[in-house]
Each structure stands twice: as structure tokens, then as C-alpha cells.
Amino acid sequence: MNGQNRKDITPGLSVEIVLKADQRTGKLTKGIVKDILTKSSTHPHGIKVRLTDGQVGRVQVIHD
């Protein structure tokens, strides 16, 4: 699953995000969703979330 649909993402979900600083390299950061920051139902670059450790980025991969 990609992270472009808000309905697929819930707090507590394990995801991989790309941080703003890593957008050029595409380096992914793994973590647990704390808050969903994107208000729209979809976003072409991924839904923006805050992880439990406070990092903010766009969801690229959703783990089951």
C-alpha cells in the first residue's frame, strides 16, 4: 500500500515516511503514526503524518 489515501492511515500504524530533509535522496524513516496532519482525503506525494517520536514526513510505505 502506498500512503496517498488518508483512509488507509490510522494512529498506531507502522509506516515508513520520507522526511523533508530526505526528499532529494528518498531515504525512508520507519515509525508509528501519532497524528495525521494532511486534511484532504488524498495527496499525490503521500499523506503527511507525525510519528510518535515527533518526526514529520509523508507516508511512502504502510506496513501490515
Protein backbone atom coordinates (compact mmCIF):
# COMPACT_ATOMS: atom_id res chain seq x y z
CA MET A 1 0.00 0.00 0.00
CA ASN A 2 1.19 3.49 -0.73
CA GLY A 3 0.50 6.40 1.59
CA GLN A 4 -1.59 8.55 -0.73
CA ASN A 5 -5.04 7.81 0.76
CA ARG A 6 -5.90 9.25 4.17
CA LYS A 7 -8.46 6.46 4.84
CA ASP A 8 -5.63 3.85 4.80
CA ILE A 9 -3.72 5.55 7.65
CA THR A 10 -4.66 5.43 11.33
CA PRO A 11 -2.79 6.33 14.53
CA GLY A 12 -0.75 3.37 15.79
CA LEU A 13 0.04 2.11 12.29
CA SER A 14 3.62 1.16 11.39
CA VAL A 15 4.77 3.19 8.37
CA GLU A 16 7.83 4.44 6.53
CA ILE A 17 7.96 8.17 5.81
CA VAL A 18 10.24 10.46 3.86
CA LEU A 19 11.33 13.46 5.93
CA LYS A 20 11.51 16.93 4.32
CA ALA A 21 15.31 16.87 4.59
CA ASP A 22 15.44 13.45 2.86
CA GLN A 23 13.12 14.22 -0.07
CA ARG A 24 16.02 14.53 -2.54
CA THR A 25 17.63 11.23 -1.51
CA GLY A 26 14.38 9.36 -0.84
CA LYS A 27 15.73 7.96 2.44
CA LEU A 28 12.88 6.41 4.44
CA THR A 29 12.35 6.60 8.20
CA LYS A 30 10.33 3.89 9.97
CA GLY A 31 7.98 4.69 12.82
CA ILE A 32 4.50 4.59 14.34
CA VAL A 33 1.85 7.17 13.36
CA LYS A 34 0.82 9.52 16.17
CA ASP A 35 -1.12 12.21 14.25
CA ILE A 36 -2.37 12.64 10.69
CA LEU A 37 -1.57 16.18 9.53
CA THR A 38 -3.00 16.19 5.98
CA LYS A 39 -6.67 17.25 5.94
CA SER A 40 -7.52 16.21 2.35
CA SER A 41 -8.56 12.63 1.55
CA THR A 42 -5.64 12.08 -0.86
CA HIS A 43 -2.26 13.61 -1.63
CA PRO A 44 -0.04 12.71 -4.62
CA HIS A 45 3.20 12.81 -2.57
CA GLY A 46 1.83 10.95 0.44
CA ILE A 47 -0.23 11.85 3.50
CA LYS A 48 1.74 13.96 5.99
CA VAL A 49 1.94 12.43 9.49
CA ARG A 50 3.71 12.95 12.81
CA LEU A 51 5.39 9.87 14.27
CA THR A 52 5.41 9.01 17.97
CA ASP A 53 9.00 10.31 18.20
CA GLY A 54 7.92 13.71 16.82
CA GLN A 55 9.31 13.41 13.29
CA VAL A 56 7.08 14.72 10.48
CA GLY A 57 7.02 13.44 6.92
CA ARG A 58 4.97 11.98 4.11
CA VAL A 59 3.93 8.30 4.18
CA GLN A 60 5.58 6.21 1.45
CA VAL A 61 5.03 2.66 2.77
CA ILE A 62 2.35 1.21 5.06
CA HIS A 63 3.24 -1.99 6.97
CA ASP A 64 0.55 -4.50 7.88
